[in-house]
Amino acid sequence: MFDSLAEQASRIAEDAALRHCAKAAERIRTFVPRGVEVEADATGIRLSGRRLKARLALDPALRFLGAFLR
C-alpha cells in the first residue's frame, strides 16, 4: 500500500517539477536575445547558443538572468 502511494507521490512531484521548469523557461524566453535557445527538461533549464559565454558577459539581458542561474 505504501509503495504505491510513494510511487504516486513521486509521479505527482515529477510532473509538478516539469510544469514548473516549463513555465520558468517560457518566462526566460521573453528576456533572452535572438539566437539563444531555452530548453526545459527533467534536469532543469538549459540555455544554448553561439558564443553564449561571451554574450553572457556582454549582453545586459543575459547578465540579468545570470544572477538567477547560479
PDB file of N, CA and C in Angstrom:
ATOM      1  N   MET A   1       0.815  -1.182   0.000  1.00  0.00           N
ATOM      2  CA  MET A   1       0.000   0.000   0.000  1.00  0.00           C
ATOM      3  C   MET A   1       0.865   1.255   0.000  1.00  0.00           C
ATOM      4  N   PHE A   2       1.869   1.288   0.885  1.00  0.00           N
ATOM      5  CA  PHE A   2       2.722   2.459   0.956  1.00  0.00           C
ATOM      6  C   PHE A   2       3.622   2.596  -0.272  1.00  0.00           C
ATOM      7  N   ASP A   3       3.953   1.458  -0.885  1.00  0.00           N
ATOM      8  CA  ASP A   3       4.772   1.511  -2.093  1.00  0.00           C
ATOM      9  C   ASP A   3       4.030   2.216  -3.221  1.00  0.00           C
ATOM     10  N   SER A   4       2.779   1.863  -3.422  1.00  0.00           N
ATOM     11  CA  SER A   4       2.015   2.508  -4.493  1.00  0.00           C
ATOM     12  C   SER A   4       1.770   3.981  -4.172  1.00  0.00           C
ATOM     13  N   LEU A   5       1.586   4.301  -2.914  1.00  0.00           N
ATOM     14  CA  LEU A   5       1.402   5.692  -2.506  1.00  0.00           C
ATOM     15  C   LEU A   5       2.675   6.496  -2.763  1.00  0.00           C
ATOM     16  N   ALA A   6       3.820   5.907  -2.450  1.00  0.00           N
ATOM     17  CA  ALA A   6       5.096   6.572  -2.689  1.00  0.00           C
ATOM     18  C   ALA A   6       5.335   6.764  -4.184  1.00  0.00           C
ATOM     19  N   GLU A   7       4.998   5.763  -4.994  1.00  0.00           N
ATOM     20  CA  GLU A   7       5.154   5.882  -6.443  1.00  0.00           C
ATOM     21  C   GLU A   7       4.257   6.975  -7.001  1.00  0.00           C
ATOM     22  N   GLN A   8       3.028   7.040  -6.524  1.00  0.00           N
ATOM     23  CA  GLN A   8       2.101   8.065  -6.986  1.00  0.00           C
ATOM     24  C   GLN A   8       2.600   9.458  -6.584  1.00  0.00           C
ATOM     25  N   ALA A   9       3.090   9.590  -5.368  1.00  0.00           N
ATOM     26  CA  ALA A   9       3.626  10.877  -4.903  1.00  0.00           C
ATOM     27  C   ALA A   9       4.838  11.279  -5.735  1.00  0.00           C
ATOM     28  N   SER A  10       5.656  10.313  -6.082  1.00  0.00           N
ATOM     29  CA  SER A  10       6.829  10.591  -6.906  1.00  0.00           C
ATOM     30  C   SER A  10       6.429  11.082  -8.296  1.00  0.00           C
ATOM     31  N   ARG A  11       5.435  10.440  -8.901  1.00  0.00           N
ATOM     32  CA  ARG A  11       4.956  10.868 -10.224  1.00  0.00           C
ATOM     33  C   ARG A  11       4.367  12.271 -10.166  1.00  0.00           C
ATOM     34  N   ILE A  12       3.602  12.539  -9.135  1.00  0.00           N
ATOM     35  CA  ILE A  12       2.992  13.863  -8.986  1.00  0.00           C
ATOM     36  C   ILE A  12       4.076  14.931  -8.826  1.00  0.00           C
ATOM     37  N   ALA A  13       5.082  14.639  -8.023  1.00  0.00           N
ATOM     38  CA  ALA A  13       6.170  15.600  -7.812  1.00  0.00           C
ATOM     39  C   ALA A  13       6.962  15.827  -9.089  1.00  0.00           C
ATOM     40  N   GLU A  14       7.221  14.761  -9.835  1.00  0.00           N
ATOM     41  CA  GLU A  14       7.962  14.892 -11.089  1.00  0.00           C
ATOM     42  C   GLU A  14       7.174  15.707 -12.110  1.00  0.00           C
ATOM     43  N   ASP A  15       5.883  15.454 -12.219  1.00  0.00           N
ATOM     44  CA  ASP A  15       5.032  16.224 -13.127  1.00  0.00           C
ATOM     45  C   ASP A  15       5.001  17.698 -12.732  1.00  0.00           C
ATOM     46  N   ALA A  16       4.919  17.973 -11.448  1.00  0.00           N
ATOM     47  CA  ALA A  16       4.907  19.359 -10.971  1.00  0.00           C
ATOM     48  C   ALA A  16       6.234  20.046 -11.278  1.00  0.00           C
ATOM     49  N   ALA A  17       7.342  19.333 -11.111  1.00  0.00           N
ATOM     50  CA  ALA A  17       8.654  19.897 -11.407  1.00  0.00           C
ATOM     51  C   ALA A  17       8.787  20.211 -12.892  1.00  0.00           C
ATOM     52  N   LEU A  18       8.308  19.318 -13.754  1.00  0.00           N
ATOM     53  CA  LEU A  18       8.364  19.558 -15.195  1.00  0.00           C
ATOM     54  C   LEU A  18       7.517  20.765 -15.582  1.00  0.00           C
ATOM     55  N   ARG A  19       6.329  20.890 -14.998  1.00  0.00           N
ATOM     56  CA  ARG A  19       5.483  22.050 -15.284  1.00  0.00           C
ATOM     57  C   ARG A  19       6.144  23.337 -14.818  1.00  0.00           C
ATOM     58  N   HIS A  20       6.764  23.301 -13.653  1.00  0.00           N
ATOM     59  CA  HIS A  20       7.440  24.473 -13.116  1.00  0.00           C
ATOM     60  C   HIS A  20       8.601  24.884 -14.024  1.00  0.00           C
ATOM     61  N   CYS A  21       9.405  23.924 -14.464  1.00  0.00           N
ATOM     62  CA  CYS A  21      10.532  24.221 -15.361  1.00  0.00           C
ATOM     63  C   CYS A  21      10.039  24.776 -16.694  1.00  0.00           C
ATOM     64  N   ALA A  22       8.970  24.206 -17.225  1.00  0.00           N
ATOM     65  CA  ALA A  22       8.428  24.687 -18.494  1.00  0.00           C
ATOM     66  C   ALA A  22       7.918  26.116 -18.356  1.00  0.00           C
ATOM     67  N   LYS A  23       7.263  26.410 -17.257  1.00  0.00           N
ATOM     68  CA  LYS A  23       6.747  27.766 -17.031  1.00  0.00           C
ATOM     69  C   LYS A  23       7.907  28.759 -16.869  1.00  0.00           C
ATOM     70  N   ALA A  24       8.937  28.366 -16.127  1.00  0.00           N
ATOM     71  CA  ALA A  24      10.100  29.235 -15.944  1.00  0.00           C
ATOM     72  C   ALA A  24      10.827  29.450 -17.268  1.00  0.00           C
ATOM     73  N   ALA A  25      10.933  28.414 -18.083  1.00  0.00           N
ATOM     74  CA  ALA A  25      11.584  28.539 -19.389  1.00  0.00           C
ATOM     75  C   ALA A  25      10.815  29.513 -20.286  1.00  0.00           C
ATOM     76  N   GLU A  26       9.500  29.474 -20.239  1.00  0.00           N
ATOM     77  CA  GLU A  26       8.703  30.413 -21.021  1.00  0.00           C
ATOM     78  C   GLU A  26       8.973  31.848 -20.590  1.00  0.00           C
ATOM     79  N   ARG A  27       9.073  32.082 -19.278  1.00  0.00           N
ATOM     80  CA  ARG A  27       9.376  33.428 -18.788  1.00  0.00           C
ATOM     81  C   ARG A  27      10.767  33.863 -19.218  1.00  0.00           C
ATOM     82  N   ILE A  28      11.727  32.951 -19.153  1.00  0.00           N
ATOM     83  CA  ILE A  28      13.104  33.280 -19.536  1.00  0.00           C
ATOM     84  C   ILE A  28      13.182  33.610 -21.025  1.00  0.00           C
ATOM     85  N   ARG A  29      12.408  32.913 -21.852  1.00  0.00           N
ATOM     86  CA  ARG A  29      12.425  33.176 -23.294  1.00  0.00           C
ATOM     87  C   ARG A  29      12.074  34.630 -23.622  1.00  0.00           C
ATOM     88  N   THR A  30      11.286  35.273 -22.771  1.00  0.00           N
ATOM     89  CA  THR A  30      10.919  36.667 -23.035  1.00  0.00           C
ATOM     90  C   THR A  30      12.093  37.613 -22.817  1.00  0.00           C
ATOM     91  N   PHE A  31      13.107  37.193 -22.053  1.00  0.00           N
ATOM     92  CA  PHE A  31      14.242  38.063 -21.753  1.00  0.00           C
ATOM     93  C   PHE A  31      15.441  37.842 -22.656  1.00  0.00           C
ATOM     94  N   VAL A  32      15.638  36.645 -23.155  1.00  0.00           N
ATOM     95  CA  VAL A  32      16.876  36.350 -23.882  1.00  0.00           C
ATOM     96  C   VAL A  32      16.829  36.925 -25.290  1.00  0.00           C
ATOM     97  N   PRO A  33      17.978  37.342 -25.791  1.00  0.00           N
ATOM     98  CA  PRO A  33      18.029  37.888 -27.148  1.00  0.00           C
ATOM     99  C   PRO A  33      17.936  36.791 -28.210  1.00  0.00           C
ATOM    100  N   ARG A  34      17.761  37.207 -29.432  1.00  0.00           N
ATOM    101  CA  ARG A  34      17.672  36.281 -30.564  1.00  0.00           C
ATOM    102  C   ARG A  34      18.951  35.446 -30.646  1.00  0.00           C
ATOM    103  N   GLY A  35      18.786  34.191 -30.951  1.00  0.00           N
ATOM    104  CA  GLY A  35      19.920  33.291 -31.100  1.00  0.00           C
ATOM    105  C   GLY A  35      20.232  32.467 -29.864  1.00  0.00           C
ATOM    106  N   VAL A  36      19.554  32.745 -28.769  1.00  0.00           N
ATOM    107  CA  VAL A  36      19.757  31.960 -27.547  1.00  0.00           C
ATOM    108  C   VAL A  36      18.547  31.050 -27.386  1.00  0.00           C
ATOM    109  N   GLU A  37      18.811  29.760 -27.320  1.00  0.00           N
ATOM    110  CA  GLU A  37      17.754  28.766 -27.170  1.00  0.00           C
ATOM    111  C   GLU A  37      17.545  28.454 -25.691  1.00  0.00           C
ATOM    112  N   VAL A  38      16.304  28.293 -25.301  1.00  0.00           N
ATOM    113  CA  VAL A  38      15.952  27.946 -23.924  1.00  0.00           C
ATOM    114  C   VAL A  38      15.172  26.648 -23.975  1.00  0.00           C
ATOM    115  N   GLU A  39      15.664  25.633 -23.267  1.00  0.00           N
ATOM    116  CA  GLU A  39      15.012  24.324 -23.252  1.00  0.00           C
ATOM    117  C   GLU A  39      14.771  23.892 -21.812  1.00  0.00           C
ATOM    118  N   ALA A  40      13.611  23.339 -21.563  1.00  0.00           N
ATOM    119  CA  ALA A  40      13.292  22.801 -20.238  1.00  0.00           C
ATOM    120  C   ALA A  40      13.167  21.289 -20.349  1.00  0.00           C
ATOM    121  N   ASP A  41      13.764  20.590 -19.394  1.00  0.00           N
ATOM    122  CA  ASP A  41      13.623  19.137 -19.334  1.00  0.00           C
ATOM    123  C   ASP A  41      13.615  18.712 -17.871  1.00  0.00           C
ATOM    124  N   ALA A  42      13.731  17.439 -17.634  1.00  0.00           N
ATOM    125  CA  ALA A  42      13.621  16.918 -16.276  1.00  0.00           C
ATOM    126  C   ALA A  42      14.758  17.382 -15.373  1.00  0.00           C
ATOM    127  N   THR A  43      15.894  17.747 -15.947  1.00  0.00           N
ATOM    128  CA  THR A  43      17.038  18.158 -15.133  1.00  0.00           C
ATOM    129  C   THR A  43      17.071  19.652 -14.857  1.00  0.00           C
ATOM    130  N   GLY A  44      16.278  20.427 -15.571  1.00  0.00           N
ATOM    131  CA  GLY A  44      16.257  21.868 -15.351  1.00  0.00           C
ATOM    132  C   GLY A  44      16.092  22.630 -16.653  1.00  0.00           C
ATOM    133  N   ILE A  45      16.667  23.815 -16.690  1.00  0.00           N
ATOM    134  CA  ILE A  45      16.554  24.696 -17.848  1.00  0.00           C
ATOM    135  C   ILE A  45      17.938  24.870 -18.449  1.00  0.00           C
ATOM    136  N   ARG A  46      18.017  24.723 -19.763  1.00  0.00           N
ATOM    137  CA  ARG A  46      19.294  24.812 -20.459  1.00  0.00           C
ATOM    138  C   ARG A  46      19.261  25.976 -21.447  1.00  0.00           C
ATOM    139  N   LEU A  47      20.278  26.835 -21.372  1.00  0.00           N
ATOM    140  CA  LEU A  47      20.474  27.896 -22.343  1.00  0.00           C
ATOM    141  C   LEU A  47      21.568  27.454 -23.287  1.00  0.00           C
ATOM    142  N   SER A  48      21.380  27.675 -24.569  1.00  0.00           N
ATOM    143  CA  SER A  48      22.412  27.331 -25.538  1.00  0.00           C
ATOM    144  C   SER A  48      22.377  28.348 -26.663  1.00  0.00           C
ATOM    145  N   GLY A  49      23.504  28.505 -27.289  1.00  0.00           N
ATOM    146  CA  GLY A  49      23.585  29.426 -28.405  1.00  0.00           C
ATOM    147  C   GLY A  49      25.032  29.685 -28.765  1.00  0.00           C
ATOM    148  N   ARG A  50      25.203  30.267 -29.907  1.00  0.00           N
ATOM    149  CA  ARG A  50      26.542  30.550 -30.402  1.00  0.00           C
ATOM    150  C   ARG A  50      27.188  31.628 -29.539  1.00  0.00           C
ATOM    151  N   ARG A  51      28.431  31.380 -29.133  1.00  0.00           N
ATOM    152  CA  ARG A  51      29.215  32.309 -28.305  1.00  0.00           C
ATOM    153  C   ARG A  51      28.469  32.736 -27.047  1.00  0.00           C
ATOM    154  N   LEU A  52      27.803  31.808 -26.401  1.00  0.00           N
ATOM    155  CA  LEU A  52      26.966  32.132 -25.244  1.00  0.00           C
ATOM    156  C   LEU A  52      27.794  32.695 -24.086  1.00  0.00           C
ATOM    157  N   LYS A  53      28.982  32.156 -23.856  1.00  0.00           N
ATOM    158  CA  LYS A  53      29.813  32.668 -22.751  1.00  0.00           C
ATOM    159  C   LYS A  53      30.132  34.143 -22.952  1.00  0.00           C
ATOM    160  N   ALA A  54      30.535  34.509 -24.143  1.00  0.00           N
ATOM    161  CA  ALA A  54      30.849  35.914 -24.415  1.00  0.00           C
ATOM    162  C   ALA A  54      29.599  36.771 -24.300  1.00  0.00           C
ATOM    163  N   ARG A  55      28.499  36.262 -24.785  1.00  0.00           N
ATOM    164  CA  ARG A  55      27.251  37.022 -24.721  1.00  0.00           C
ATOM    165  C   ARG A  55      26.778  37.195 -23.287  1.00  0.00           C
ATOM    166  N   LEU A  56      27.028  36.197 -22.436  1.00  0.00           N
ATOM    167  CA  LEU A  56      26.666  36.337 -21.028  1.00  0.00           C
ATOM    168  C   LEU A  56      27.418  37.506 -20.393  1.00  0.00           C
ATOM    169  N   ALA A  57      28.641  37.740 -20.832  1.00  0.00           N
ATOM    170  CA  ALA A  57      29.435  38.832 -20.280  1.00  0.00           C
ATOM    171  C   ALA A  57      29.025  40.188 -20.857  1.00  0.00           C
ATOM    172  N   LEU A  58      28.569  40.218 -22.099  1.00  0.00           N
ATOM    173  CA  LEU A  58      28.338  41.483 -22.787  1.00  0.00           C
ATOM    174  C   LEU A  58      26.884  41.938 -22.839  1.00  0.00           C
ATOM    175  N   ASP A  59      25.961  41.024 -22.820  1.00  0.00           N
ATOM    176  CA  ASP A  59      24.552  41.376 -23.005  1.00  0.00           C
ATOM    177  C   ASP A  59      23.872  41.611 -21.657  1.00  0.00           C
ATOM    178  N   PRO A  60      23.307  42.796 -21.440  1.00  0.00           N
ATOM    179  CA  PRO A  60      22.669  43.084 -20.146  1.00  0.00           C
ATOM    180  C   PRO A  60      21.522  42.140 -19.801  1.00  0.00           C
ATOM    181  N   ALA A  61      20.743  41.740 -20.782  1.00  0.00           N
ATOM    182  CA  ALA A  61      19.617  40.831 -20.511  1.00  0.00           C
ATOM    183  C   ALA A  61      20.119  39.482 -20.018  1.00  0.00           C
ATOM    184  N   LEU A  62      21.189  38.987 -20.611  1.00  0.00           N
ATOM    185  CA  LEU A  62      21.735  37.703 -20.175  1.00  0.00           C
ATOM    186  C   LEU A  62      22.444  37.831 -18.832  1.00  0.00           C
ATOM    187  N   ARG A  63      23.085  38.954 -18.582  1.00  0.00           N
ATOM    188  CA  ARG A  63      23.699  39.158 -17.264  1.00  0.00           C
ATOM    189  C   ARG A  63      22.635  39.170 -16.179  1.00  0.00           C
ATOM    190  N   PHE A  64      21.488  39.768 -16.489  1.00  0.00           N
ATOM    191  CA  PHE A  64      20.389  39.787 -15.541  1.00  0.00           C
ATOM    192  C   PHE A  64      19.949  38.363 -15.186  1.00  0.00           C
ATOM    193  N   LEU A  65      19.843  37.515 -16.203  1.00  0.00           N
ATOM    194  CA  LEU A  65      19.463  36.124 -15.950  1.00  0.00           C
ATOM    195  C   LEU A  65      20.545  35.379 -15.190  1.00  0.00           C
ATOM    196  N   GLY A  66      21.796  35.733 -15.443  1.00  0.00           N
ATOM    197  CA  GLY A  66      22.915  35.067 -14.787  1.00  0.00           C
ATOM    198  C   GLY A  66      22.854  35.162 -13.277  1.00  0.00           C
ATOM    199  N   ALA A  67      22.276  36.240 -12.776  1.00  0.00           N
ATOM    200  CA  ALA A  67      22.155  36.408 -11.334  1.00  0.00           C
ATOM    201  C   ALA A  67      21.217  35.345 -10.741  1.00  0.00           C
ATOM    202  N   PHE A  68      20.261  34.872 -11.521  1.00  0.00           N
ATOM    203  CA  PHE A  68      19.297  33.888 -11.027  1.00  0.00           C
ATOM    204  C   PHE A  68      19.693  32.455 -11.354  1.00  0.00           C
ATOM    205  N   LEU A  69      20.644  32.267 -12.248  1.00  0.00           N
ATOM    206  CA  LEU A  69      21.012  30.924 -12.681  1.00  0.00           C
ATOM    207  C   LEU A  69      22.097  30.302 -11.825  1.00  0.00           C
ATOM    208  N   ARG A  70      22.623  30.998 -10.882  1.00  0.00           N
ATOM    209  CA  ARG A  70      23.706  30.449 -10.040  1.00  0.00           C
ATOM    210  C   ARG A  70      23.180  29.555  -8.984  1.00  0.00           C
TER     211      ARG A  70
END
